[in-house]
C-alpha cells in the first residue's frame, strides 16, 4: 500500500499558497492526495474481488479427457504371412532341390559314361574280331591255293564258315552289348524314379516347414495383437478412471459453488458488513494521515467513499469528529 505523505512533508514540498488551494478543493487534487486516494480505491477493489461470490461460483470444469494416444498395429494378411514364410525358406528350398538335381545329374553322367564305354568297347571288339577273321580267312585261303585248290569248293566253304563264325561272334557281342545297355537304361529309369521320389519327399518336408513357419508367424502376430489390445485396454481404463475422478471433482466443485452461493444468499448482509469493515479500516488509516479539516473535506466531498463504506461512512465521520485537532 502506498505510504501517505504527512502534513509536515507536504509543507516542505509545496508553498503555503498551494496548500490553501488544496484545502479549498477539499483534497481532491494536488499535493499527491489524489494518488493516495487512488491507492485506497485499489485496496477497495481488492476487497471487492476477495468477496466476489460470482468468481467463486464461476469455476472452470476440469478436463475429463487425457487424450492419450493408443497403440496401433496392422496385422499382416494370410497372403503376406505365407510370402514371408516362403521367403524365409527360399535358401532351404533352392539348396534342397539343387542337391537332389546335382545328385541325379552325377549319377546320370556316370551311367551315360558307362553307355559310351560299352558301345565303344563293343565296336572296338567287333572291329578287332572282324580283322582277326579276315586275317585267318586269308591265311587259310593261301594255304589251299598253295596246295593247288585255288578253284576248289573247299575255299568257298571255308570262307563261308569264317563269315558265319564272325557273324555268330558279332551276334554274341551285340547280345552282350544290348543286355548291358538295357541294364544301364533300367538304371536311368530307376534314377528318374529315385529323383522324383526324392523331390516328392522334399516337397513334403518343405510343405511341413512352410506350415510350421506360418504357424510360428501367426503366433507372433497374435502375440502382437494381444499386446496392443492389452495396452489399449489399459489406456481406456486409465482414461475412464481419470474421467470418473475428474467428474467427481467437477461435481464437488459444483456443489461447493452452490453452497457458497447459498451461504452468500443467506448471509449477504453479513458479507457486505465484512467488506465495509475492511474498507473502513483502510479509509481510517488514510484520513488519520490528514488534518481533521482535510479529513472532513475528503470525506464530505467523496461520494465514492460513501458508496463503498455504507453504514461505516457514518462511523468514519464519527472517528474524525472524535479527534482533538
C-alpha atoms as a PDB file:
ATOM      1  CA  UNK A   1       0.000   0.000   0.000  1.00  0.00           C
ATOM      2  CA  UNK A   2       1.302   3.458  -0.931  1.00  0.00           C
ATOM      3  CA  UNK A   3       2.591   5.499   2.055  1.00  0.00           C
ATOM      4  CA  UNK A   4       0.523   8.687   2.551  1.00  0.00           C
ATOM      5  CA  UNK A   5       2.717  11.833   2.972  1.00  0.00           C
ATOM      6  CA  UNK A   6       2.336  13.711   6.314  1.00  0.00           C
ATOM      7  CA  UNK A   7       1.288  17.340   6.560  1.00  0.00           C
ATOM      8  CA  UNK A   8       4.840  18.356   7.537  1.00  0.00           C
ATOM      9  CA  UNK A   9       6.231  16.586   4.481  1.00  0.00           C
ATOM     10  CA  UNK A  10       3.703  18.385   2.319  1.00  0.00           C
ATOM     11  CA  UNK A  11       4.721  21.758   3.786  1.00  0.00           C
ATOM     12  CA  UNK A  12       8.290  21.111   2.811  1.00  0.00           C
ATOM     13  CA  UNK A  13       7.235  20.036  -0.683  1.00  0.00           C
ATOM     14  CA  UNK A  14       4.852  22.914  -1.516  1.00  0.00           C
ATOM     15  CA  UNK A  15       4.279  26.566  -0.725  1.00  0.00           C
ATOM     16  CA  UNK A  16       1.586  27.881   1.636  1.00  0.00           C
ATOM     17  CA  UNK A  17      -0.428  29.150  -1.335  1.00  0.00           C
ATOM     18  CA  UNK A  18      -0.650  25.693  -2.843  1.00  0.00           C
ATOM     19  CA  UNK A  19      -1.699  24.223   0.481  1.00  0.00           C
ATOM     20  CA  UNK A  20      -4.505  26.818   0.738  1.00  0.00           C
ATOM     21  CA  UNK A  21      -5.616  25.944  -2.776  1.00  0.00           C
ATOM     22  CA  UNK A  22      -5.595  22.279  -1.833  1.00  0.00           C
ATOM     23  CA  UNK A  23      -7.769  22.937   1.219  1.00  0.00           C
ATOM     24  CA  UNK A  24     -10.247  24.900  -0.875  1.00  0.00           C
ATOM     25  CA  UNK A  25     -10.557  21.979  -3.310  1.00  0.00           C
ATOM     26  CA  UNK A  26     -11.284  19.553  -0.476  1.00  0.00           C
ATOM     27  CA  UNK A  27      -8.194  17.474  -1.037  1.00  0.00           C
ATOM     28  CA  UNK A  28      -9.407  16.001  -4.342  1.00  0.00           C
ATOM     29  CA  UNK A  29      -6.371  17.061  -6.301  1.00  0.00           C
ATOM     30  CA  UNK A  30      -2.836  18.392  -5.859  1.00  0.00           C
ATOM     31  CA  UNK A  31      -0.185  17.659  -3.287  1.00  0.00           C
ATOM     32  CA  UNK A  32      -0.246  13.909  -4.034  1.00  0.00           C
ATOM     33  CA  UNK A  33      -3.520  13.136  -2.223  1.00  0.00           C
ATOM     34  CA  UNK A  34      -5.179  12.143  -5.417  1.00  0.00           C
ATOM     35  CA  UNK A  35      -2.552   9.373  -5.821  1.00  0.00           C
ATOM     36  CA  UNK A  36      -3.057   8.354  -2.204  1.00  0.00           C
ATOM     37  CA  UNK A  37      -6.830   8.109  -2.531  1.00  0.00           C
ATOM     38  CA  UNK A  38      -6.320   6.179  -5.747  1.00  0.00           C
ATOM     39  CA  UNK A  39      -4.375   3.648  -3.731  1.00  0.00           C
ATOM     40  CA  UNK A  40      -7.279   3.456  -1.255  1.00  0.00           C
ATOM     41  CA  UNK A  41      -9.706   2.561  -4.041  1.00  0.00           C
ATOM     42  CA  UNK A  42      -7.287  -0.008  -5.381  1.00  0.00           C
ATOM     43  CA  UNK A  43      -7.401  -1.639  -1.954  1.00  0.00           C
ATOM     44  CA  UNK A  44     -11.220  -1.389  -2.033  1.00  0.00           C
ATOM     45  CA  UNK A  45     -11.191  -3.162  -5.385  1.00  0.00           C
ATOM     46  CA  UNK A  46      -9.060  -5.962  -3.926  1.00  0.00           C
ATOM     47  CA  UNK A  47     -11.547  -6.394  -1.083  1.00  0.00           C
ATOM     48  CA  UNK A  48     -14.472  -6.459  -3.535  1.00  0.00           C
ATOM     49  CA  UNK A  49     -12.625  -9.093  -5.581  1.00  0.00           C
ATOM     50  CA  UNK A  50     -11.902 -11.178  -2.484  1.00  0.00           C
ATOM     51  CA  UNK A  51     -15.603 -11.305  -1.602  1.00  0.00           C
ATOM     52  CA  UNK A  52     -16.869 -11.553  -5.189  1.00  0.00           C
ATOM     53  CA  UNK A  53     -19.076 -14.635  -4.959  1.00  0.00           C
ATOM     54  CA  UNK A  54     -19.579 -14.705  -8.717  1.00  0.00           C
ATOM     55  CA  UNK A  55     -15.896 -15.543  -9.193  1.00  0.00           C
ATOM     56  CA  UNK A  56     -16.108 -18.282  -6.609  1.00  0.00           C
ATOM     57  CA  UNK A  57     -19.156 -19.735  -8.334  1.00  0.00           C
ATOM     58  CA  UNK A  58     -17.768 -19.343 -11.830  1.00  0.00           C
ATOM     59  CA  UNK A  59     -15.498 -22.364 -11.763  1.00  0.00           C
ATOM     60  CA  UNK A  60     -13.984 -23.886 -14.884  1.00  0.00           C
ATOM     61  CA  UNK A  61     -14.824 -27.601 -15.161  1.00  0.00           C
ATOM     62  CA  UNK A  62     -11.803 -29.848 -15.203  1.00  0.00           C
ATOM     63  CA  UNK A  63     -10.993 -31.590 -18.461  1.00  0.00           C
ATOM     64  CA  UNK A  64     -12.128 -35.222 -18.350  1.00  0.00           C
ATOM     65  CA  UNK A  65     -10.145 -36.365 -21.382  1.00  0.00           C
ATOM     66  CA  UNK A  66      -6.488 -37.405 -21.089  1.00  0.00           C
ATOM     67  CA  UNK A  67      -6.097 -37.506 -24.893  1.00  0.00           C
ATOM     68  CA  UNK A  68      -3.746 -40.462 -24.622  1.00  0.00           C
ATOM     69  CA  UNK A  69      -2.572 -41.873 -27.925  1.00  0.00           C
ATOM     70  CA  UNK A  70      -3.472 -45.503 -28.449  1.00  0.00           C
ATOM     71  CA  UNK A  71      -1.101 -48.059 -29.912  1.00  0.00           C
ATOM     72  CA  UNK A  72      -1.630 -49.163 -33.489  1.00  0.00           C
ATOM     73  CA  UNK A  73      -0.750 -52.496 -35.067  1.00  0.00           C
ATOM     74  CA  UNK A  74      -1.788 -53.709 -38.502  1.00  0.00           C
ATOM     75  CA  UNK A  75      -1.622 -57.487 -38.649  1.00  0.00           C
ATOM     76  CA  UNK A  76      -0.295 -58.922 -41.932  1.00  0.00           C
ATOM     77  CA  UNK A  77      -2.747 -60.768 -44.169  1.00  0.00           C
ATOM     78  CA  UNK A  78      -2.631 -64.552 -44.664  1.00  0.00           C
ATOM     79  CA  UNK A  79      -1.082 -63.964 -48.085  1.00  0.00           C
ATOM     80  CA  UNK A  80       1.625 -61.727 -46.600  1.00  0.00           C
ATOM     81  CA  UNK A  81       2.377 -64.267 -43.884  1.00  0.00           C
ATOM     82  CA  UNK A  82       2.650 -67.060 -46.467  1.00  0.00           C
ATOM     83  CA  UNK A  83       5.015 -64.958 -48.603  1.00  0.00           C
ATOM     84  CA  UNK A  84       7.154 -64.195 -45.553  1.00  0.00           C
ATOM     85  CA  UNK A  85       7.328 -67.893 -44.698  1.00  0.00           C
ATOM     86  CA  UNK A  86       8.333 -68.788 -48.258  1.00  0.00           C
ATOM     87  CA  UNK A  87      10.939 -66.054 -48.346  1.00  0.00           C
ATOM     88  CA  UNK A  88      12.474 -67.293 -45.099  1.00  0.00           C
ATOM     89  CA  UNK A  89      12.740 -70.841 -46.544  1.00  0.00           C
ATOM     90  CA  UNK A  90      13.920 -69.815 -50.002  1.00  0.00           C
ATOM     91  CA  UNK A  91      17.520 -70.900 -49.378  1.00  0.00           C
ATOM     92  CA  UNK A  92      16.324 -74.206 -47.935  1.00  0.00           C
ATOM     93  CA  UNK A  93      14.131 -74.802 -50.986  1.00  0.00           C
ATOM     94  CA  UNK A  94      16.797 -73.845 -53.515  1.00  0.00           C
ATOM     95  CA  UNK A  95      19.606 -75.793 -51.871  1.00  0.00           C
ATOM     96  CA  UNK A  96      17.403 -78.840 -51.281  1.00  0.00           C
ATOM     97  CA  UNK A  97      16.231 -79.097 -54.867  1.00  0.00           C
ATOM     98  CA  UNK A  98      19.665 -78.246 -56.160  1.00  0.00           C
ATOM     99  CA  UNK A  99      21.176 -81.047 -54.071  1.00  0.00           C
ATOM    100  CA  UNK A 100      18.692 -83.590 -55.471  1.00  0.00           C
ATOM    101  CA  UNK A 101      19.264 -82.364 -59.025  1.00  0.00           C
ATOM    102  CA  UNK A 102      23.057 -82.418 -58.646  1.00  0.00           C
ATOM    103  CA  UNK A 103      22.972 -85.942 -57.223  1.00  0.00           C
ATOM    104  CA  UNK A 104      20.756 -87.057 -60.107  1.00  0.00           C
ATOM    105  CA  UNK A 105      22.994 -85.448 -62.709  1.00  0.00           C
ATOM    106  CA  UNK A 106      26.116 -87.016 -61.188  1.00  0.00           C
ATOM    107  CA  UNK A 107      24.544 -90.483 -61.252  1.00  0.00           C
ATOM    108  CA  UNK A 108      23.155 -89.961 -64.747  1.00  0.00           C
ATOM    109  CA  UNK A 109      26.536 -88.809 -66.038  1.00  0.00           C
ATOM    110  CA  UNK A 110      28.099 -91.971 -64.632  1.00  0.00           C
ATOM    111  CA  UNK A 111      25.534 -94.162 -66.429  1.00  0.00           C
ATOM    112  CA  UNK A 112      25.902 -92.271 -69.705  1.00  0.00           C
ATOM    113  CA  UNK A 113      29.657 -92.606 -69.418  1.00  0.00           C
ATOM    114  CA  UNK A 114      29.258 -96.363 -68.976  1.00  0.00           C
ATOM    115  CA  UNK A 115      26.965 -96.491 -72.029  1.00  0.00           C
ATOM    116  CA  UNK A 116      29.551 -94.734 -74.155  1.00  0.00           C
ATOM    117  CA  UNK A 117      32.292 -97.007 -72.892  1.00  0.00           C
ATOM    118  CA  UNK A 118      30.212-100.144 -73.538  1.00  0.00           C
ATOM    119  CA  UNK A 119      29.298 -99.010 -77.043  1.00  0.00           C
ATOM    120  CA  UNK A 120      32.870 -98.059 -77.859  1.00  0.00           C
ATOM    121  CA  UNK A 121      34.183-101.317 -76.413  1.00  0.00           C
ATOM    122  CA  UNK A 122      31.641-103.318 -78.465  1.00  0.00           C
ATOM    123  CA  UNK A 123      32.569-101.531 -81.646  1.00  0.00           C
ATOM    124  CA  UNK A 124      36.284-101.983 -80.986  1.00  0.00           C
ATOM    125  CA  UNK A 125      35.799-105.684 -80.175  1.00  0.00           C
ATOM    126  CA  UNK A 126      33.816-106.226 -83.363  1.00  0.00           C
ATOM    127  CA  UNK A 127      36.448-104.410 -85.425  1.00  0.00           C
ATOM    128  CA  UNK A 128      39.252-106.402 -83.893  1.00  0.00           C
ATOM    129  CA  UNK A 129      37.292-109.622 -84.347  1.00  0.00           C
ATOM    130  CA  UNK A 130      36.484-108.769 -87.955  1.00  0.00           C
ATOM    131  CA  UNK A 131      40.158-108.093 -88.621  1.00  0.00           C
ATOM    132  CA  UNK A 132      41.147-111.374 -86.948  1.00  0.00           C
ATOM    133  CA  UNK A 133      38.635-113.302 -89.024  1.00  0.00           C
ATOM    134  CA  UNK A 134      39.849-111.592 -92.190  1.00  0.00           C
ATOM    135  CA  UNK A 135      43.474-112.463 -91.409  1.00  0.00           C
ATOM    136  CA  UNK A 136      42.561-116.070 -90.567  1.00  0.00           C
ATOM    137  CA  UNK A 137      40.433-116.398 -93.681  1.00  0.00           C
ATOM    138  CA  UNK A 138      43.240-115.106 -95.932  1.00  0.00           C
ATOM    139  CA  UNK A 139      45.743-117.398 -94.272  1.00  0.00           C
ATOM    140  CA  UNK A 140      43.537-120.451 -94.762  1.00  0.00           C
ATOM    141  CA  UNK A 141      42.829-119.468 -98.372  1.00  0.00           C
ATOM    142  CA  UNK A 142      46.533-119.017 -99.155  1.00  0.00           C
ATOM    143  CA  UNK A 143      47.252-122.499 -97.804  1.00  0.00           C
ATOM    144  CA  UNK A 144      44.624-124.043-100.032  1.00  0.00           C
ATOM    145  CA  UNK A 145      45.942-122.130-103.043  1.00  0.00           C
ATOM    146  CA  UNK A 146      49.463-123.414-102.340  1.00  0.00           C
ATOM    147  CA  UNK A 147      48.049-126.879-102.239  1.00  0.00           C
ATOM    148  CA  UNK A 148      46.516-126.395-105.716  1.00  0.00           C
ATOM    149  CA  UNK A 149      42.994-125.949-104.519  1.00  0.00           C
ATOM    150  CA  UNK A 150      42.511-122.364-105.755  1.00  0.00           C
ATOM    151  CA  UNK A 151      39.384-123.265-107.635  1.00  0.00           C
ATOM    152  CA  UNK A 152      38.178-125.815-105.173  1.00  0.00           C
ATOM    153  CA  UNK A 153      34.793-125.515-103.472  1.00  0.00           C
ATOM    154  CA  UNK A 154      36.688-126.019-100.249  1.00  0.00           C
ATOM    155  CA  UNK A 155      37.867-122.397-100.373  1.00  0.00           C
ATOM    156  CA  UNK A 156      34.302-121.221-100.841  1.00  0.00           C
ATOM    157  CA  UNK A 157      33.079-123.381 -97.998  1.00  0.00           C
ATOM    158  CA  UNK A 158      35.912-122.268 -95.779  1.00  0.00           C
ATOM    159  CA  UNK A 159      35.208-118.577 -96.439  1.00  0.00           C
ATOM    160  CA  UNK A 160      31.537-119.156 -95.694  1.00  0.00           C
ATOM    161  CA  UNK A 161      32.485-120.870 -92.441  1.00  0.00           C
ATOM    162  CA  UNK A 162      34.679-117.951 -91.408  1.00  0.00           C
ATOM    163  CA  UNK A 163      31.915-115.432 -92.261  1.00  0.00           C
ATOM    164  CA  UNK A 164      29.382-117.498 -90.329  1.00  0.00           C
ATOM    165  CA  UNK A 165      31.631-117.684 -87.272  1.00  0.00           C
ATOM    166  CA  UNK A 166      32.244-113.954 -87.496  1.00  0.00           C
ATOM    167  CA  UNK A 167      28.542-113.250 -87.587  1.00  0.00           C
ATOM    168  CA  UNK A 168      27.988-115.578 -84.641  1.00  0.00           C
ATOM    169  CA  UNK A 169      30.654-113.764 -82.662  1.00  0.00           C
ATOM    170  CA  UNK A 170      29.212-110.410 -83.698  1.00  0.00           C
ATOM    171  CA  UNK A 171      25.823-111.631 -82.565  1.00  0.00           C
ATOM    172  CA  UNK A 172      27.243-112.587 -79.162  1.00  0.00           C
ATOM    173  CA  UNK A 173      28.899-109.187 -78.845  1.00  0.00           C
ATOM    174  CA  UNK A 174      25.703-107.391 -79.874  1.00  0.00           C
ATOM    175  CA  UNK A 175      23.689-109.500 -77.471  1.00  0.00           C
ATOM    176  CA  UNK A 176      26.020-108.711 -74.573  1.00  0.00           C
ATOM    177  CA  UNK A 177      26.075-105.035 -75.590  1.00  0.00           C
ATOM    178  CA  UNK A 178      22.266-104.884 -75.767  1.00  0.00           C
ATOM    179  CA  UNK A 179      21.973-106.581 -72.386  1.00  0.00           C
ATOM    180  CA  UNK A 180      24.415-104.157 -70.844  1.00  0.00           C
ATOM    181  CA  UNK A 181      22.734-101.140 -72.459  1.00  0.00           C
ATOM    182  CA  UNK A 182      19.315-102.389 -71.334  1.00  0.00           C
ATOM    183  CA  UNK A 183      20.664-102.674 -67.796  1.00  0.00           C
ATOM    184  CA  UNK A 184      22.016 -99.146 -67.964  1.00  0.00           C
ATOM    185  CA  UNK A 185      18.680 -97.897 -69.354  1.00  0.00           C
ATOM    186  CA  UNK A 186      16.920 -99.561 -66.411  1.00  0.00           C
ATOM    187  CA  UNK A 187      19.334 -97.781 -64.099  1.00  0.00           C
ATOM    188  CA  UNK A 188      18.462 -94.469 -65.764  1.00  0.00           C
ATOM    189  CA  UNK A 189      14.760 -95.147 -65.356  1.00  0.00           C
ATOM    190  CA  UNK A 190      15.314 -96.127 -61.732  1.00  0.00           C
ATOM    191  CA  UNK A 191      17.375 -92.990 -61.252  1.00  0.00           C
ATOM    192  CA  UNK A 192      14.479 -90.910 -62.614  1.00  0.00           C
ATOM    193  CA  UNK A 193      12.099 -92.609 -60.194  1.00  0.00           C
ATOM    194  CA  UNK A 194      14.510 -92.069 -57.311  1.00  0.00           C
ATOM    195  CA  UNK A 195      14.875 -88.415 -58.270  1.00  0.00           C
ATOM    196  CA  UNK A 196      11.129 -87.925 -58.388  1.00  0.00           C
ATOM    197  CA  UNK A 197      10.691 -89.733 -55.068  1.00  0.00           C
ATOM    198  CA  UNK A 198      13.378 -87.519 -53.556  1.00  0.00           C
ATOM    199  CA  UNK A 199      11.645 -84.410 -54.900  1.00  0.00           C
ATOM    200  CA  UNK A 200       8.295 -85.636 -53.609  1.00  0.00           C
ATOM    201  CA  UNK A 201       9.773 -86.316 -50.174  1.00  0.00           C
ATOM    202  CA  UNK A 202      11.494 -82.942 -50.211  1.00  0.00           C
ATOM    203  CA  UNK A 203       8.257 -81.224 -51.234  1.00  0.00           C
ATOM    204  CA  UNK A 204       6.515 -82.868 -48.287  1.00  0.00           C
ATOM    205  CA  UNK A 205       9.303 -81.789 -45.926  1.00  0.00           C
ATOM    206  CA  UNK A 206       9.198 -78.297 -47.383  1.00  0.00           C
ATOM    207  CA  UNK A 207       5.429 -78.148 -47.034  1.00  0.00           C
ATOM    208  CA  UNK A 208       5.774 -79.168 -43.363  1.00  0.00           C
ATOM    209  CA  UNK A 209       8.382 -76.475 -42.797  1.00  0.00           C
ATOM    210  CA  UNK A 210       6.179 -73.882 -44.538  1.00  0.00           C
ATOM    211  CA  UNK A 211       3.250 -74.926 -42.382  1.00  0.00           C
ATOM    212  CA  UNK A 212       5.358 -74.731 -39.201  1.00  0.00           C
ATOM    213  CA  UNK A 213       6.733 -71.333 -40.211  1.00  0.00           C
ATOM    214  CA  UNK A 214       3.274 -69.950 -40.965  1.00  0.00           C
ATOM    215  CA  UNK A 215       2.047 -71.223 -37.601  1.00  0.00           C
ATOM    216  CA  UNK A 216       5.026 -69.559 -35.905  1.00  0.00           C
ATOM    217  CA  UNK A 217       4.403 -66.266 -37.703  1.00  0.00           C
ATOM    218  CA  UNK A 218       0.689 -66.391 -36.873  1.00  0.00           C
ATOM    219  CA  UNK A 219       1.616 -66.968 -33.234  1.00  0.00           C
ATOM    220  CA  UNK A 220       3.872 -63.893 -33.274  1.00  0.00           C
ATOM    221  CA  UNK A 221       1.141 -61.837 -34.930  1.00  0.00           C
ATOM    222  CA  UNK A 222      -1.376 -62.944 -32.311  1.00  0.00           C
ATOM    223  CA  UNK A 223       1.064 -62.033 -29.531  1.00  0.00           C
ATOM    224  CA  UNK A 224       1.429 -58.547 -31.027  1.00  0.00           C
ATOM    225  CA  UNK A 225      -2.342 -58.205 -31.364  1.00  0.00           C
ATOM    226  CA  UNK A 226      -2.833 -59.331 -27.750  1.00  0.00           C
ATOM    227  CA  UNK A 227      -0.088 -56.988 -26.535  1.00  0.00           C
ATOM    228  CA  UNK A 228      -1.535 -53.962 -28.342  1.00  0.00           C
ATOM    229  CA  UNK A 229      -5.052 -54.878 -27.209  1.00  0.00           C
ATOM    230  CA  UNK A 230      -3.868 -55.151 -23.596  1.00  0.00           C
ATOM    231  CA  UNK A 231      -2.041 -51.809 -23.754  1.00  0.00           C
ATOM    232  CA  UNK A 232      -5.024 -50.075 -25.336  1.00  0.00           C
ATOM    233  CA  UNK A 233      -7.350 -51.618 -22.738  1.00  0.00           C
ATOM    234  CA  UNK A 234      -5.075 -50.228 -20.029  1.00  0.00           C
ATOM    235  CA  UNK A 235      -5.201 -46.811 -21.713  1.00  0.00           C
ATOM    236  CA  UNK A 236      -9.001 -46.977 -21.904  1.00  0.00           C
ATOM    237  CA  UNK A 237      -9.175 -47.990 -18.253  1.00  0.00           C
ATOM    238  CA  UNK A 238      -6.804 -45.183 -17.274  1.00  0.00           C
ATOM    239  CA  UNK A 239      -8.851 -42.684 -19.289  1.00  0.00           C
ATOM    240  CA  UNK A 240     -12.100 -43.970 -17.764  1.00  0.00           C
ATOM    241  CA  UNK A 241     -10.696 -43.724 -14.224  1.00  0.00           C
ATOM    242  CA  UNK A 242      -9.317 -40.266 -14.938  1.00  0.00           C
ATOM    243  CA  UNK A 243     -12.649 -39.094 -16.404  1.00  0.00           C
ATOM    244  CA  UNK A 244     -14.505 -40.514 -13.395  1.00  0.00           C
ATOM    245  CA  UNK A 245     -12.176 -38.792 -10.922  1.00  0.00           C
ATOM    246  CA  UNK A 246     -12.344 -35.516 -12.826  1.00  0.00           C
ATOM    247  CA  UNK A 247     -16.122 -35.742 -12.984  1.00  0.00           C
ATOM    248  CA  UNK A 248     -16.245 -36.368  -9.232  1.00  0.00           C
ATOM    249  CA  UNK A 249     -14.041 -33.319  -8.707  1.00  0.00           C
ATOM    250  CA  UNK A 250     -16.293 -31.267 -11.010  1.00  0.00           C
ATOM    251  CA  UNK A 251     -19.353 -32.339  -9.027  1.00  0.00           C
ATOM    252  CA  UNK A 252     -17.528 -31.470  -5.822  1.00  0.00           C
ATOM    253  CA  UNK A 253     -16.655 -28.011  -7.128  1.00  0.00           C
ATOM    254  CA  UNK A 254     -20.166 -27.511  -8.415  1.00  0.00           C
ATOM    255  CA  UNK A 255     -21.521 -28.430  -5.011  1.00  0.00           C
ATOM    256  CA  UNK A 256     -19.048 -26.099  -3.297  1.00  0.00           C
ATOM    257  CA  UNK A 257     -20.067 -23.291  -5.643  1.00  0.00           C
ATOM    258  CA  UNK A 258     -23.697 -23.983  -4.857  1.00  0.00           C
ATOM    259  CA  UNK A 259     -23.012 -23.980  -1.116  1.00  0.00           C
ATOM    260  CA  UNK A 260     -21.108 -20.713  -1.460  1.00  0.00           C
ATOM    261  CA  UNK A 261     -23.982 -19.209  -3.414  1.00  0.00           C
ATOM    262  CA  UNK A 262     -26.405 -20.457  -0.784  1.00  0.00           C
ATOM    263  CA  UNK A 263     -24.250 -19.116   2.063  1.00  0.00           C
ATOM    264  CA  UNK A 264     -23.877 -15.779   0.325  1.00  0.00           C
ATOM    265  CA  UNK A 265     -27.588 -15.543  -0.344  1.00  0.00           C
ATOM    266  CA  UNK A 266     -28.380 -16.373   3.261  1.00  0.00           C
ATOM    267  CA  UNK A 267     -25.634 -14.144   4.666  1.00  0.00           C
ATOM    268  CA  UNK A 268     -25.331 -11.411   2.057  1.00  0.00           C
ATOM    269  CA  UNK A 269     -25.804  -8.683   4.658  1.00  0.00           C
ATOM    270  CA  UNK A 270     -23.058 -10.145   6.819  1.00  0.00           C
ATOM    271  CA  UNK A 271     -20.714 -10.429   3.799  1.00  0.00           C
ATOM    272  CA  UNK A 272     -21.383  -6.817   2.921  1.00  0.00           C
ATOM    273  CA  UNK A 273     -20.667  -5.751   6.512  1.00  0.00           C
ATOM    274  CA  UNK A 274     -17.352  -7.602   6.454  1.00  0.00           C
ATOM    275  CA  UNK A 275     -16.365  -5.851   3.236  1.00  0.00           C
ATOM    276  CA  UNK A 276     -17.381  -2.460   4.599  1.00  0.00           C
ATOM    277  CA  UNK A 277     -15.489  -3.036   7.828  1.00  0.00           C
ATOM    278  CA  UNK A 278     -12.280  -3.878   5.980  1.00  0.00           C
ATOM    279  CA  UNK A 279     -12.722  -0.832   3.724  1.00  0.00           C
ATOM    280  CA  UNK A 280     -13.409   1.303   6.815  1.00  0.00           C
ATOM    281  CA  UNK A 281     -10.061   0.301   8.299  1.00  0.00           C
ATOM    282  CA  UNK A 282      -8.273   1.239   5.062  1.00  0.00           C
ATOM    283  CA  UNK A 283     -10.051   4.602   4.914  1.00  0.00           C
ATOM    284  CA  UNK A 284      -9.412   5.290   8.609  1.00  0.00           C
ATOM    285  CA  UNK A 285      -5.693   4.645   8.183  1.00  0.00           C
ATOM    286  CA  UNK A 286      -5.688   7.115   5.329  1.00  0.00           C
ATOM    287  CA  UNK A 287      -7.604  10.005   6.957  1.00  0.00           C
ATOM    288  CA  UNK A 288      -5.506   9.668  10.105  1.00  0.00           C
ATOM    289  CA  UNK A 289      -2.638  10.993   7.985  1.00  0.00           C
ATOM    290  CA  UNK A 290      -4.666  14.164   7.284  1.00  0.00           C
ATOM    291  CA  UNK A 291      -5.579  17.059   9.493  1.00  0.00           C
ATOM    292  CA  UNK A 292      -9.074  16.998  10.905  1.00  0.00           C
ATOM    293  CA  UNK A 293     -10.191  19.689   8.478  1.00  0.00           C
ATOM    294  CA  UNK A 294      -8.702  17.925   5.477  1.00  0.00           C
ATOM    295  CA  UNK A 295     -10.176  14.671   6.646  1.00  0.00           C
ATOM    296  CA  UNK A 296     -13.648  16.257   6.826  1.00  0.00           C
ATOM    297  CA  UNK A 297     -13.151  17.796   3.423  1.00  0.00           C
ATOM    298  CA  UNK A 298     -12.061  14.486   1.895  1.00  0.00           C
ATOM    299  CA  UNK A 299     -14.975  12.555   3.413  1.00  0.00           C
ATOM    300  CA  UNK A 300     -17.713  15.079   2.799  1.00  0.00           C
ATOM    301  CA  UNK A 301     -16.960  15.595  -0.882  1.00  0.00           C
ATOM    302  CA  UNK A 302     -16.286  11.931  -1.757  1.00  0.00           C
ATOM    303  CA  UNK A 303     -19.461  10.098  -2.831  1.00  0.00           C
ATOM    304  CA  UNK A 304     -17.358   7.130  -3.996  1.00  0.00           C
ATOM    305  CA  UNK A 305     -16.083   6.674  -0.468  1.00  0.00           C
ATOM    306  CA  UNK A 306     -19.621   6.893   0.916  1.00  0.00           C
ATOM    307  CA  UNK A 307     -20.865   4.242  -1.526  1.00  0.00           C
ATOM    308  CA  UNK A 308     -18.066   1.861  -0.554  1.00  0.00           C
ATOM    309  CA  UNK A 309     -18.425   2.241   3.233  1.00  0.00           C
ATOM    310  CA  UNK A 310     -22.198   2.120   3.565  1.00  0.00           C
ATOM    311  CA  UNK A 311     -23.129   2.402   7.251  1.00  0.00           C
ATOM    312  CA  UNK A 312     -19.444   2.636   8.119  1.00  0.00           C
ATOM    313  CA  UNK A 313     -19.372   6.006   6.413  1.00  0.00           C
ATOM    314  CA  UNK A 314     -21.097   7.465   9.453  1.00  0.00           C
ATOM    315  CA  UNK A 315     -18.658   5.659  11.696  1.00  0.00           C
ATOM    316  CA  UNK A 316     -15.771   7.182   9.738  1.00  0.00           C
ATOM    317  CA  UNK A 317     -17.189  10.678  10.195  1.00  0.00           C
ATOM    318  CA  UNK A 318     -17.647   9.966  13.894  1.00  0.00           C
ATOM    319  CA  UNK A 319     -13.995   8.944  14.117  1.00  0.00           C
ATOM    320  CA  UNK A 320     -12.994  12.289  12.584  1.00  0.00           C
ATOM    321  CA  UNK A 321     -15.249  14.192  14.979  1.00  0.00           C
ATOM    322  CA  UNK A 322     -13.726  12.385  17.935  1.00  0.00           C
ATOM    323  CA  UNK A 323     -10.275  13.642  17.026  1.00  0.00           C
ATOM    324  CA  UNK A 324      -8.946  16.501  19.163  1.00  0.00           C
ATOM    325  CA  UNK A 325      -7.328  18.520  16.415  1.00  0.00           C
END
